[in-house]
Amino acid sequence: MDEKKIKDISQLLPEGVSDQTIIEIAEIMSEQIEQRVQEEVGELTDKVFAYLSMKRQQIQEAALEELH
């Protein structure tokens, strides 16, 4: 964990919180952020795949029309 991030978090917490507790909080937050990012990336990947599939279908349809 980045020392600057730990220091920033420690300044927001009440006095008397141990360094270990601050590190644990930072790790939990990091894990939660990573999980959320992965969820968002997954959703965007699905949307892009659906869009590309739709465009492929449109191109196929246009190509078939040109052939007839």
Protein backbone atom coordinates (compact mmCIF):
# COMPACT_ATOMS: atom_id res chain seq x y z
CA MET A 1 0.00 0.00 0.00
CA ASP A 2 1.23 3.46 -0.91
CA GLU A 3 2.47 5.34 2.18
CA LYS A 4 0.86 8.59 1.00
CA LYS A 5 -2.54 6.92 0.74
CA ILE A 6 -2.17 5.46 4.22
CA LYS A 7 -1.24 8.88 5.60
CA ASP A 8 -4.22 10.49 3.83
CA ILE A 9 -6.58 7.90 5.30
CA SER A 10 -5.06 8.24 8.77
CA GLN A 11 -5.74 11.99 8.77
CA LEU A 12 -9.45 11.33 8.24
CA LEU A 13 -9.76 8.87 11.13
CA PRO A 14 -10.12 9.73 14.81
CA GLU A 15 -7.08 9.91 17.07
CA GLY A 16 -5.80 6.65 18.52
CA VAL A 17 -6.43 4.41 15.52
CA SER A 18 -3.45 2.11 15.05
CA ASP A 19 -1.34 2.03 11.91
CA GLN A 20 -2.37 -1.59 11.38
CA THR A 21 -6.05 -0.63 11.46
CA ILE A 22 -5.40 2.13 8.93
CA ILE A 23 -3.60 -0.34 6.65
CA GLU A 24 -6.50 -2.80 6.94
CA ILE A 25 -9.03 -0.09 6.11
CA ALA A 26 -6.97 0.97 3.09
CA GLU A 27 -6.72 -2.63 1.87
CA ILE A 28 -10.47 -3.17 2.22
CA MET A 29 -11.19 0.04 0.34
CA SER A 30 -8.74 -0.93 -2.38
CA GLU A 31 -10.41 -4.33 -2.76
CA GLN A 32 -13.86 -2.75 -2.95
CA ILE A 33 -12.73 -0.26 -5.57
CA GLU A 34 -11.09 -3.02 -7.64
CA GLN A 35 -14.25 -5.13 -7.45
CA ARG A 36 -16.39 -2.21 -8.60
CA VAL A 37 -14.03 -1.41 -11.47
CA GLN A 38 -14.16 -5.05 -12.60
CA GLU A 39 -17.96 -4.98 -12.52
CA GLU A 40 -18.04 -1.80 -14.60
CA VAL A 41 -15.53 -3.18 -17.10
CA GLY A 42 -17.62 -6.34 -17.42
CA GLU A 43 -20.76 -4.32 -18.11
CA LEU A 44 -18.99 -2.18 -20.69
CA THR A 45 -17.52 -5.26 -22.36
CA ASP A 46 -21.02 -6.74 -22.66
CA LYS A 47 -22.35 -3.51 -24.16
CA VAL A 48 -19.51 -3.29 -26.68
CA PHE A 49 -19.98 -6.93 -27.68
CA ALA A 50 -23.71 -6.38 -28.19
CA TYR A 51 -23.06 -3.24 -30.24
CA LEU A 52 -20.51 -4.98 -32.44
CA SER A 53 -22.83 -7.94 -32.96
CA MET A 54 -25.61 -5.57 -34.02
CA LYS A 55 -23.31 -3.75 -36.44
CA ARG A 56 -22.07 -7.07 -37.87
CA GLN A 57 -25.67 -8.11 -38.48
CA GLN A 58 -26.39 -4.79 -40.22
CA ILE A 59 -23.33 -5.20 -42.44
CA GLN A 60 -24.36 -8.77 -43.31
CA GLU A 61 -27.86 -7.61 -44.19
CA ALA A 62 -26.52 -4.77 -46.34
CA ALA A 63 -24.14 -7.15 -48.11
CA LEU A 64 -26.97 -9.60 -48.85
CA GLU A 65 -29.11 -6.77 -50.24
CA GLU A 66 -26.25 -5.74 -52.52
CA LEU A 67 -25.96 -9.29 -53.81
CA HIS A 68 -29.64 -9.46 -54.77
